[in-house]
Each structure stands twice: as structure tokens, then as C-alpha cells.
PDB file of N, CA and C in Angstrom:
ATOM      1  N   MET A   1     -33.175  40.387 -15.602  1.00  0.00           N
ATOM      2  CA  MET A   1     -31.977  39.374 -15.030  1.00  0.00           C
ATOM      3  C   MET A   1     -32.357  38.771 -13.847  1.00  0.00           C
ATOM      4  N   GLN A   2     -32.163  37.560 -13.604  1.00  0.00           N
ATOM      5  CA  GLN A   2     -32.239  36.982 -12.542  1.00  0.00           C
ATOM      6  C   GLN A   2     -31.042  36.563 -11.741  1.00  0.00           C
ATOM      7  N   PHE A   3     -30.977  37.019 -10.339  1.00  0.00           N
ATOM      8  CA  PHE A   3     -29.863  36.242  -9.803  1.00  0.00           C
ATOM      9  C   PHE A   3     -30.124  35.230  -8.839  1.00  0.00           C
ATOM     10  N   THR A   4     -29.442  34.265  -8.915  1.00  0.00           N
ATOM     11  CA  THR A   4     -29.547  32.990  -7.970  1.00  0.00           C
ATOM     12  C   THR A   4     -28.448  32.895  -7.047  1.00  0.00           C
ATOM     13  N   LYS A   5     -28.865  32.604  -5.868  1.00  0.00           N
ATOM     14  CA  LYS A   5     -27.733  32.681  -4.707  1.00  0.00           C
ATOM     15  C   LYS A   5     -27.106  31.143  -4.805  1.00  0.00           C
ATOM     16  N   ASN A   6     -25.858  30.760  -4.817  1.00  0.00           N
ATOM     17  CA  ASN A   6     -25.419  29.514  -4.660  1.00  0.00           C
ATOM     18  C   ASN A   6     -24.977  29.315  -3.523  1.00  0.00           C
ATOM     19  N   THR A   7     -25.845  28.415  -2.579  1.00  0.00           N
ATOM     20  CA  THR A   7     -25.704  27.956  -1.407  1.00  0.00           C
ATOM     21  C   THR A   7     -25.044  26.658  -1.016  1.00  0.00           C
ATOM     22  N   SER A   8     -24.819  25.963  -2.371  1.00  0.00           N
ATOM     23  CA  SER A   8     -24.089  24.509  -2.016  1.00  0.00           C
ATOM     24  C   SER A   8     -22.651  24.617  -1.499  1.00  0.00           C
ATOM     25  N   LYS A   9     -22.262  23.631  -0.901  1.00  0.00           N
ATOM     26  CA  LYS A   9     -21.065  23.517  -0.447  1.00  0.00           C
ATOM     27  C   LYS A   9     -20.025  22.659  -1.047  1.00  0.00           C
ATOM     28  N   ASP A  10     -20.045  22.456  -2.305  1.00  0.00           N
ATOM     29  CA  ASP A  10     -19.491  21.450  -2.951  1.00  0.00           C
ATOM     30  C   ASP A  10     -17.874  21.957  -3.252  1.00  0.00           C
ATOM     31  N   LYS A  11     -17.497  22.494  -2.295  1.00  0.00           N
ATOM     32  CA  LYS A  11     -16.218  22.706  -2.610  1.00  0.00           C
ATOM     33  C   LYS A  11     -15.093  21.271  -2.572  1.00  0.00           C
ATOM     34  N   PHE A  12     -13.992  21.475  -3.440  1.00  0.00           N
ATOM     35  CA  PHE A  12     -13.160  20.192  -3.210  1.00  0.00           C
ATOM     36  C   PHE A  12     -12.278  20.103  -1.859  1.00  0.00           C
ATOM     37  N   PHE A  13     -11.914  20.936  -1.212  1.00  0.00           N
ATOM     38  CA  PHE A  13     -11.144  20.678  -0.265  1.00  0.00           C
ATOM     39  C   PHE A  13     -12.108  21.239   0.902  1.00  0.00           C
ATOM     40  N   SER A  14     -13.011  20.666   1.202  1.00  0.00           N
ATOM     41  CA  SER A  14     -14.153  20.901   2.224  1.00  0.00           C
ATOM     42  C   SER A  14     -13.382  20.231   3.616  1.00  0.00           C
ATOM     43  N   PHE A  15     -14.117  20.387   4.775  1.00  0.00           N
ATOM     44  CA  PHE A  15     -13.690  20.048   6.136  1.00  0.00           C
ATOM     45  C   PHE A  15     -13.999  18.356   5.929  1.00  0.00           C
ATOM     46  N   GLY A  16     -15.018  17.927   5.405  1.00  0.00           N
ATOM     47  CA  GLY A  16     -15.141  16.701   5.395  1.00  0.00           C
ATOM     48  C   GLY A  16     -14.531  15.807   4.538  1.00  0.00           C
ATOM     49  N   THR A  17     -13.954  16.325   3.526  1.00  0.00           N
ATOM     50  CA  THR A  17     -13.344  15.652   2.639  1.00  0.00           C
ATOM     51  C   THR A  17     -11.814  15.750   3.115  1.00  0.00           C
ATOM     52  N   ILE A  18     -11.401  16.500   3.659  1.00  0.00           N
ATOM     53  CA  ILE A  18      -9.923  16.474   4.259  1.00  0.00           C
ATOM     54  C   ILE A  18      -9.979  15.627   5.798  1.00  0.00           C
ATOM     55  N   SER A  19     -11.113  15.598   6.262  1.00  0.00           N
ATOM     56  CA  SER A  19     -11.125  14.984   7.441  1.00  0.00           C
ATOM     57  C   SER A  19     -11.029  13.161   6.978  1.00  0.00           C
ATOM     58  N   LYS A  20     -11.606  12.846   5.964  1.00  0.00           N
ATOM     59  CA  LYS A  20     -11.726  11.657   5.215  1.00  0.00           C
ATOM     60  C   LYS A  20     -10.455  11.170   4.995  1.00  0.00           C
ATOM     61  N   ILE A  21      -9.639  12.057   4.286  1.00  0.00           N
ATOM     62  CA  ILE A  21      -8.480  11.862   3.666  1.00  0.00           C
ATOM     63  C   ILE A  21      -7.505  11.410   4.982  1.00  0.00           C
ATOM     64  N   ILE A  22      -7.479  12.180   6.005  1.00  0.00           N
ATOM     65  CA  ILE A  22      -6.662  12.343   7.031  1.00  0.00           C
ATOM     66  C   ILE A  22      -6.891  10.694   7.654  1.00  0.00           C
ATOM     67  N   ILE A  23      -8.111  10.389   7.907  1.00  0.00           N
ATOM     68  CA  ILE A  23      -8.318   9.190   8.606  1.00  0.00           C
ATOM     69  C   ILE A  23      -8.215   8.031   7.821  1.00  0.00           C
ATOM     70  N   ALA A  24      -8.320   8.264   6.566  1.00  0.00           N
ATOM     71  CA  ALA A  24      -7.780   6.966   5.413  1.00  0.00           C
ATOM     72  C   ALA A  24      -6.198   6.946   5.798  1.00  0.00           C
ATOM     73  N   VAL A  25      -5.356   7.938   5.629  1.00  0.00           N
ATOM     74  CA  VAL A  25      -4.013   7.746   5.996  1.00  0.00           C
ATOM     75  C   VAL A  25      -3.855   7.339   7.340  1.00  0.00           C
ATOM     76  N   LEU A  26      -4.175   7.801   8.201  1.00  0.00           N
ATOM     77  CA  LEU A  26      -4.201   7.072   9.643  1.00  0.00           C
ATOM     78  C   LEU A  26      -4.185   5.723   9.729  1.00  0.00           C
ATOM     79  N   ILE A  27      -5.531   5.292   8.951  1.00  0.00           N
ATOM     80  CA  ILE A  27      -5.570   3.614   9.156  1.00  0.00           C
ATOM     81  C   ILE A  27      -4.457   3.111   8.411  1.00  0.00           C
ATOM     82  N   ILE A  28      -4.078   3.484   7.217  1.00  0.00           N
ATOM     83  CA  ILE A  28      -2.979   2.924   6.746  1.00  0.00           C
ATOM     84  C   ILE A  28      -1.881   2.949   7.221  1.00  0.00           C
ATOM     85  N   VAL A  29      -1.481   3.916   7.811  1.00  0.00           N
ATOM     86  CA  VAL A  29      -0.124   3.832   8.626  1.00  0.00           C
ATOM     87  C   VAL A  29      -0.174   2.974   9.777  1.00  0.00           C
ATOM     88  N   PHE A  30      -1.427   2.921  10.498  1.00  0.00           N
ATOM     89  CA  PHE A  30      -1.666   2.098  11.738  1.00  0.00           C
ATOM     90  C   PHE A  30      -1.548   0.631  11.096  1.00  0.00           C
ATOM     91  N   GLY A  31      -2.012   0.448  10.180  1.00  0.00           N
ATOM     92  CA  GLY A  31      -2.045  -1.061   9.497  1.00  0.00           C
ATOM     93  C   GLY A  31      -0.642  -1.312   9.339  1.00  0.00           C
ATOM     94  N   PHE A  32       0.240  -0.475   8.640  1.00  0.00           N
ATOM     95  CA  PHE A  32       1.731  -0.759   8.585  1.00  0.00           C
ATOM     96  C   PHE A  32       2.661  -1.173   9.866  1.00  0.00           C
ATOM     97  N   ILE A  33       1.978   0.004  10.741  1.00  0.00           N
ATOM     98  CA  ILE A  33       2.942  -0.442  12.021  1.00  0.00           C
ATOM     99  C   ILE A  33       2.542  -1.987  12.602  1.00  0.00           C
ATOM    100  N   LEU A  34       1.123  -2.014  12.419  1.00  0.00           N
ATOM    101  CA  LEU A  34       0.727  -3.602  13.069  1.00  0.00           C
ATOM    102  C   LEU A  34       1.355  -4.549  12.176  1.00  0.00           C
ATOM    103  N   ILE A  35       1.155  -4.534  11.176  1.00  0.00           N
ATOM    104  CA  ILE A  35       2.049  -5.591  10.168  1.00  0.00           C
ATOM    105  C   ILE A  35       3.340  -5.970  10.424  1.00  0.00           C
ATOM    106  N   ASN A  36       4.158  -4.660  10.728  1.00  0.00           N
ATOM    107  CA  ASN A  36       5.681  -4.931  11.161  1.00  0.00           C
ATOM    108  C   ASN A  36       5.875  -5.403  12.298  1.00  0.00           C
ATOM    109  N   GLN A  37       4.745  -5.186  13.348  1.00  0.00           N
ATOM    110  CA  GLN A  37       4.991  -5.942  14.765  1.00  0.00           C
ATOM    111  C   GLN A  37       4.840  -7.395  14.709  1.00  0.00           C
ATOM    112  N   ILE A  38       4.440  -8.014  13.811  1.00  0.00           N
ATOM    113  CA  ILE A  38       4.230  -9.287  13.505  1.00  0.00           C
ATOM    114  C   ILE A  38       5.746 -10.108  13.261  1.00  0.00           C
ATOM    115  N   ASN A  39       6.138 -11.014  14.323  1.00  0.00           N
ATOM    116  CA  ASN A  39       7.240 -11.685  13.707  1.00  0.00           C
ATOM    117  C   ASN A  39       6.934 -13.073  13.167  1.00  0.00           C
ATOM    118  N   PHE A  40       7.393 -13.122  11.683  1.00  0.00           N
ATOM    119  CA  PHE A  40       6.932 -14.401  11.061  1.00  0.00           C
ATOM    120  C   PHE A  40       8.173 -15.484  11.119  1.00  0.00           C
ATOM    121  N   PRO A  41       7.779 -16.780  11.353  1.00  0.00           N
ATOM    122  CA  PRO A  41       8.856 -17.691  11.595  1.00  0.00           C
ATOM    123  C   PRO A  41       9.684 -17.573  10.493  1.00  0.00           C
ATOM    124  N   THR A  42      11.050 -17.661  10.816  1.00  0.00           N
ATOM    125  CA  THR A  42      11.797 -18.085   9.405  1.00  0.00           C
ATOM    126  C   THR A  42      12.205 -19.501   9.389  1.00  0.00           C
ATOM    127  N   SER A  43      12.570 -20.024   8.148  1.00  0.00           N
ATOM    128  CA  SER A  43      12.731 -21.344   8.197  1.00  0.00           C
ATOM    129  C   SER A  43      14.370 -21.596   8.565  1.00  0.00           C
ATOM    130  N   ASP A  44      14.780 -22.659   9.099  1.00  0.00           N
ATOM    131  CA  ASP A  44      15.983 -22.867   9.305  1.00  0.00           C
ATOM    132  C   ASP A  44      16.718 -23.832   8.412  1.00  0.00           C
ATOM    133  N   LYS A  45      15.986 -24.522   7.589  1.00  0.00           N
ATOM    134  CA  LYS A  45      16.473 -25.328   6.439  1.00  0.00           C
ATOM    135  C   LYS A  45      16.969 -24.720   5.300  1.00  0.00           C
ATOM    136  N   GLN A  46      18.029 -25.140   5.058  1.00  0.00           N
ATOM    137  CA  GLN A  46      18.652 -24.548   3.685  1.00  0.00           C
ATOM    138  C   GLN A  46      18.171 -25.082   2.864  1.00  0.00           C
ATOM    139  N   ILE A  47      17.470 -24.038   1.411  1.00  0.00           N
ATOM    140  CA  ILE A  47      16.847 -24.941   0.527  1.00  0.00           C
ATOM    141  C   ILE A  47      18.188 -24.916  -0.567  1.00  0.00           C
ATOM    142  N   GLU A  48      18.691 -25.984  -1.150  1.00  0.00           N
ATOM    143  CA  GLU A  48      19.540 -26.241  -1.981  1.00  0.00           C
ATOM    144  C   GLU A  48      19.126 -27.478  -3.050  1.00  0.00           C
ATOM    145  N   LYS A  49      19.137 -26.988  -4.166  1.00  0.00           N
ATOM    146  CA  LYS A  49      19.118 -27.656  -5.296  1.00  0.00           C
ATOM    147  C   LYS A  49      20.314 -27.759  -6.178  1.00  0.00           C
ATOM    148  N   ILE A  50      20.507 -29.212  -6.569  1.00  0.00           N
ATOM    149  CA  ILE A  50      21.787 -29.132  -7.279  1.00  0.00           C
ATOM    150  C   ILE A  50      21.318 -29.435  -8.767  1.00  0.00           C
ATOM    151  N   LEU A  51      21.929 -28.484  -9.617  1.00  0.00           N
ATOM    152  CA  LEU A  51      21.474 -28.699 -11.044  1.00  0.00           C
ATOM    153  C   LEU A  51      22.674 -29.455 -11.572  1.00  0.00           C
ATOM    154  N   PRO A  52      22.214 -30.555 -12.674  1.00  0.00           N
ATOM    155  CA  PRO A  52      23.332 -30.972 -13.302  1.00  0.00           C
ATOM    156  C   PRO A  52      24.056 -30.246 -14.393  1.00  0.00           C
ATOM    157  N   ASN A  53      25.187 -30.269 -14.788  1.00  0.00           N
ATOM    158  CA  ASN A  53      25.958 -29.750 -15.838  1.00  0.00           C
ATOM    159  C   ASN A  53      25.390 -29.811 -17.219  1.00  0.00           C
ATOM    160  N   GLU A  54      24.488 -30.774 -17.507  1.00  0.00           N
ATOM    161  CA  GLU A  54      24.154 -30.932 -18.834  1.00  0.00           C
ATOM    162  C   GLU A  54      23.250 -29.910 -19.248  1.00  0.00           C
ATOM    163  N   ASN A  55      22.507 -29.051 -18.102  1.00  0.00           N
ATOM    164  CA  ASN A  55      21.513 -27.972 -18.417  1.00  0.00           C
ATOM    165  C   ASN A  55      22.055 -26.912 -18.696  1.00  0.00           C
ATOM    166  N   PHE A  56      23.258 -26.851 -18.452  1.00  0.00           N
ATOM    167  CA  PHE A  56      24.023 -25.377 -19.025  1.00  0.00           C
ATOM    168  C   PHE A  56      24.546 -25.556 -20.376  1.00  0.00           C
ATOM    169  N   LYS A  57      24.104 -24.365 -21.080  1.00  0.00           N
ATOM    170  CA  LYS A  57      24.916 -24.301 -22.370  1.00  0.00           C
ATOM    171  C   LYS A  57      25.443 -23.110 -22.467  1.00  0.00           C
ATOM    172  N   THR A  58      26.832 -23.352 -22.938  1.00  0.00           N
ATOM    173  CA  THR A  58      27.838 -22.220 -23.002  1.00  0.00           C
ATOM    174  C   THR A  58      27.496 -21.362 -24.322  1.00  0.00           C
ATOM    175  N   ILE A  59      27.214 -20.176 -24.326  1.00  0.00           N
ATOM    176  CA  ILE A  59      27.081 -19.261 -25.440  1.00  0.00           C
ATOM    177  C   ILE A  59      28.361 -18.605 -25.810  1.00  0.00           C
ATOM    178  N   LYS A  60      29.088 -18.559 -27.115  1.00  0.00           N
ATOM    179  CA  LYS A  60      29.994 -17.841 -27.178  1.00  0.00           C
ATOM    180  C   LYS A  60      29.821 -16.799 -28.111  1.00  0.00           C
TER     181      LYS A  60
END
């Protein structure tokens, strides 16, 4: 019977995997913060469309 030593470090939650996840989350949060800081201009013009009464149908 032959024994083999498993020396691979293929754990699911290794330090590299956890650090990559943390960096990705920080980049996403930082992106949301930057987008919220941008002040987009709002329109002062009121958009109003008058619909004629003939387009409406009464359902009974």
C-alpha cells in the first residue's frame, strides 16, 4: 500500500480567495459612492402631453 502526501493548497476559502473577494466588494462599494457624488442636472421643463378623450374606452 502506497501513501501519497497531499501538498496542494486548493482550499475553497484560502487567503488568496478571501482577499480577492474583499477587494472586489471594496471596489464595488467605492464605485457606488463615487456615482452617488455626481450631481446630474434635472430638467426644469414640465413634460405634459394632452390626450384626447376619443382614445379612452369605458369598460363596464
